[in-house]
Amino acid sequence: MAAPNATRSAMLFSDALDALARRERTLWTAVAVTYVLDVALTAYGLSLGFEEANPIARATMLAVGPLPAMIALKTAVVGVAAVFTRYAPPGGRPLIPLAVAMPWAVASVSNSVLIFG
């Protein structure tokens, strides 16, 4: 027998997924906005003398240059996310753009704080 709280938690999670599913297009817009913000703020920070903290991004930047590296890496992430979205069950689809946009939003806020104080 399941505890009453487990059933309630499952319903709350299901309701949250339904709410996200209704806003999937907005979540993809958030991916685009955070993509641009993260690239722009990182490029600006690098021009001020800051260093890239991500070792993979840093190595790629050394190999091909900062802007091409950032665009290539982020575009690859969006491409993989788009493929996963196509095959994900409908209830889980909105979690994919959310999972892409959130770290880029956190990085953008972090970069803003570092750059602008």
C-alpha atoms as a PDB file:
ATOM      1  CA  MET A   1       0.000   0.000   0.000  1.00  0.00           C
ATOM      2  CA  ALA A   2       1.407   3.384  -0.981  1.00  0.00           C
ATOM      3  CA  ALA A   3       1.554   6.223   1.448  1.00  0.00           C
ATOM      4  CA  PRO A   4      -0.946   9.016   0.776  1.00  0.00           C
ATOM      5  CA  ASN A   5       1.894  11.517   0.337  1.00  0.00           C
ATOM      6  CA  ALA A   6       3.440   9.444  -2.470  1.00  0.00           C
ATOM      7  CA  THR A   7       0.238   9.621  -4.500  1.00  0.00           C
ATOM      8  CA  ARG A   8      -0.084  13.332  -3.854  1.00  0.00           C
ATOM      9  CA  SER A   9       3.551  13.925  -4.858  1.00  0.00           C
ATOM     10  CA  ALA A  10       3.040  11.986  -8.090  1.00  0.00           C
ATOM     11  CA  MET A  11      -0.025  14.079  -8.891  1.00  0.00           C
ATOM     12  CA  LEU A  12       1.831  17.321  -8.197  1.00  0.00           C
ATOM     13  CA  PHE A  13       4.686  16.207 -10.463  1.00  0.00           C
ATOM     14  CA  SER A  14       2.219  15.233 -13.174  1.00  0.00           C
ATOM     15  CA  ASP A  15       0.497  18.613 -12.872  1.00  0.00           C
ATOM     16  CA  ALA A  16       3.860  20.384 -13.108  1.00  0.00           C
ATOM     17  CA  LEU A  17       4.734  18.437 -16.271  1.00  0.00           C
ATOM     18  CA  ASP A  18       1.356  19.331 -17.774  1.00  0.00           C
ATOM     19  CA  ALA A  19       1.967  23.017 -17.013  1.00  0.00           C
ATOM     20  CA  LEU A  20       5.411  22.831 -18.634  1.00  0.00           C
ATOM     21  CA  ALA A  21       3.995  21.019 -21.663  1.00  0.00           C
ATOM     22  CA  ARG A  22       1.597  23.913 -22.247  1.00  0.00           C
ATOM     23  CA  ARG A  23       4.613  26.228 -22.334  1.00  0.00           C
ATOM     24  CA  GLU A  24       7.002  24.148 -24.435  1.00  0.00           C
ATOM     25  CA  ARG A  25       7.303  26.836 -27.120  1.00  0.00           C
ATOM     26  CA  THR A  26       8.167  29.379 -24.421  1.00  0.00           C
ATOM     27  CA  LEU A  27      10.837  27.027 -23.092  1.00  0.00           C
ATOM     28  CA  TRP A  28      12.407  26.798 -26.571  1.00  0.00           C
ATOM     29  CA  THR A  29      12.344  30.597 -26.713  1.00  0.00           C
ATOM     30  CA  ALA A  30      14.196  30.577 -23.389  1.00  0.00           C
ATOM     31  CA  VAL A  31      16.797  28.285 -24.977  1.00  0.00           C
ATOM     32  CA  ALA A  32      17.317  30.816 -27.793  1.00  0.00           C
ATOM     33  CA  VAL A  33      17.495  33.791 -25.428  1.00  0.00           C
ATOM     34  CA  THR A  34      19.899  32.120 -23.011  1.00  0.00           C
ATOM     35  CA  TYR A  35      22.021  30.891 -25.951  1.00  0.00           C
ATOM     36  CA  VAL A  36      22.502  34.483 -27.146  1.00  0.00           C
ATOM     37  CA  LEU A  37      22.995  35.891 -23.636  1.00  0.00           C
ATOM     38  CA  ASP A  38      25.584  33.301 -22.678  1.00  0.00           C
ATOM     39  CA  VAL A  39      27.555  33.740 -25.913  1.00  0.00           C
ATOM     40  CA  ALA A  40      27.425  37.546 -25.739  1.00  0.00           C
ATOM     41  CA  LEU A  41      28.338  37.796 -22.067  1.00  0.00           C
ATOM     42  CA  THR A  42      31.091  35.199 -22.369  1.00  0.00           C
ATOM     43  CA  ALA A  43      32.552  36.990 -25.402  1.00  0.00           C
ATOM     44  CA  TYR A  44      32.423  40.298 -23.558  1.00  0.00           C
ATOM     45  CA  GLY A  45      34.001  38.793 -20.446  1.00  0.00           C
ATOM     46  CA  LEU A  46      36.781  37.242 -22.504  1.00  0.00           C
ATOM     47  CA  SER A  47      37.450  40.629 -24.133  1.00  0.00           C
ATOM     48  CA  LEU A  48      37.887  42.073 -20.629  1.00  0.00           C
ATOM     49  CA  GLY A  49      40.473  39.432 -19.764  1.00  0.00           C
ATOM     50  CA  PHE A  50      38.330  36.869 -17.993  1.00  0.00           C
ATOM     51  CA  GLU A  51      39.008  33.188 -18.686  1.00  0.00           C
ATOM     52  CA  GLU A  52      36.556  30.463 -19.673  1.00  0.00           C
ATOM     53  CA  ALA A  53      35.919  28.162 -16.702  1.00  0.00           C
ATOM     54  CA  ASN A  54      34.687  25.155 -18.697  1.00  0.00           C
ATOM     55  CA  PRO A  55      37.761  23.106 -19.699  1.00  0.00           C
ATOM     56  CA  ILE A  56      36.089  21.641 -22.803  1.00  0.00           C
ATOM     57  CA  ALA A  57      34.958  25.068 -24.005  1.00  0.00           C
ATOM     58  CA  ARG A  58      38.377  26.534 -23.176  1.00  0.00           C
ATOM     59  CA  ALA A  59      40.184  23.850 -25.219  1.00  0.00           C
ATOM     60  CA  THR A  60      37.780  24.300 -28.127  1.00  0.00           C
ATOM     61  CA  MET A  61      38.270  28.070 -27.977  1.00  0.00           C
ATOM     62  CA  LEU A  62      42.021  27.612 -28.174  1.00  0.00           C
ATOM     63  CA  ALA A  63      41.603  25.361 -31.195  1.00  0.00           C
ATOM     64  CA  VAL A  64      39.125  27.389 -33.279  1.00  0.00           C
ATOM     65  CA  GLY A  65      38.675  30.748 -31.567  1.00  0.00           C
ATOM     66  CA  PRO A  66      36.225  31.905 -28.901  1.00  0.00           C
ATOM     67  CA  LEU A  67      33.178  32.841 -30.969  1.00  0.00           C
ATOM     68  CA  PRO A  68      33.241  29.854 -33.363  1.00  0.00           C
ATOM     69  CA  ALA A  69      33.785  27.528 -30.401  1.00  0.00           C
ATOM     70  CA  MET A  70      30.875  28.906 -28.409  1.00  0.00           C
ATOM     71  CA  ILE A  71      28.538  28.827 -31.397  1.00  0.00           C
ATOM     72  CA  ALA A  72      29.571  25.294 -32.398  1.00  0.00           C
ATOM     73  CA  LEU A  73      29.272  23.866 -28.884  1.00  0.00           C
ATOM     74  CA  LYS A  74      25.923  25.493 -28.126  1.00  0.00           C
ATOM     75  CA  THR A  75      24.498  24.629 -31.543  1.00  0.00           C
ATOM     76  CA  ALA A  76      25.525  21.008 -30.992  1.00  0.00           C
ATOM     77  CA  VAL A  77      23.696  21.002 -27.658  1.00  0.00           C
ATOM     78  CA  VAL A  78      20.547  22.449 -29.263  1.00  0.00           C
ATOM     79  CA  GLY A  79      20.782  19.862 -32.049  1.00  0.00           C
ATOM     80  CA  VAL A  80      21.046  16.968 -29.621  1.00  0.00           C
ATOM     81  CA  ALA A  81      18.173  18.421 -27.582  1.00  0.00           C
ATOM     82  CA  ALA A  82      16.015  18.690 -30.704  1.00  0.00           C
ATOM     83  CA  VAL A  83      16.684  15.048 -31.580  1.00  0.00           C
ATOM     84  CA  PHE A  84      15.893  13.908 -28.036  1.00  0.00           C
ATOM     85  CA  THR A  85      12.696  15.962 -28.084  1.00  0.00           C
ATOM     86  CA  ARG A  86      11.558  14.178 -31.207  1.00  0.00           C
ATOM     87  CA  TYR A  87      11.861  10.756 -29.541  1.00  0.00           C
ATOM     88  CA  ALA A  88      10.927  11.655 -25.968  1.00  0.00           C
ATOM     89  CA  PRO A  89       7.506  10.734 -24.617  1.00  0.00           C
ATOM     90  CA  PRO A  90       5.165  13.747 -24.754  1.00  0.00           C
ATOM     91  CA  GLY A  91       5.144  14.223 -20.990  1.00  0.00           C
ATOM     92  CA  GLY A  92       8.925  14.482 -20.831  1.00  0.00           C
ATOM     93  CA  ARG A  93       9.464  16.727 -23.858  1.00  0.00           C
ATOM     94  CA  PRO A  94       9.294  20.066 -22.043  1.00  0.00           C
ATOM     95  CA  LEU A  95      12.011  18.932 -19.648  1.00  0.00           C
ATOM     96  CA  ILE A  96      14.535  18.922 -22.499  1.00  0.00           C
ATOM     97  CA  PRO A  97      14.506  22.653 -23.343  1.00  0.00           C
ATOM     98  CA  LEU A  98      14.279  23.379 -19.627  1.00  0.00           C
ATOM     99  CA  ALA A  99      17.422  21.306 -19.050  1.00  0.00           C
ATOM    100  CA  VAL A 100      19.218  23.231 -21.811  1.00  0.00           C
ATOM    101  CA  ALA A 101      18.083  26.734 -20.854  1.00  0.00           C
ATOM    102  CA  MET A 102      18.641  26.503 -17.092  1.00  0.00           C
ATOM    103  CA  PRO A 103      22.446  26.064 -17.079  1.00  0.00           C
ATOM    104  CA  TRP A 104      22.808  28.772 -19.732  1.00  0.00           C
ATOM    105  CA  ALA A 105      20.623  31.091 -17.649  1.00  0.00           C
ATOM    106  CA  VAL A 106      22.732  30.385 -14.563  1.00  0.00           C
ATOM    107  CA  ALA A 107      25.918  30.997 -16.583  1.00  0.00           C
ATOM    108  CA  SER A 108      24.473  34.267 -17.909  1.00  0.00           C
ATOM    109  CA  VAL A 109      23.613  35.474 -14.410  1.00  0.00           C
ATOM    110  CA  SER A 110      27.042  34.416 -13.158  1.00  0.00           C
ATOM    111  CA  ASN A 111      28.776  36.183 -16.033  1.00  0.00           C
ATOM    112  CA  SER A 112      26.697  39.316 -15.443  1.00  0.00           C
ATOM    113  CA  VAL A 113      27.661  39.378 -11.790  1.00  0.00           C
ATOM    114  CA  LEU A 114      31.346  38.867 -12.610  1.00  0.00           C
ATOM    115  CA  ILE A 115      31.371  41.511 -15.338  1.00  0.00           C
ATOM    116  CA  PHE A 116      29.067  44.175 -13.957  1.00  0.00           C
ATOM    117  CA  GLY A 117      29.454  43.516 -10.233  1.00  0.00           C
END
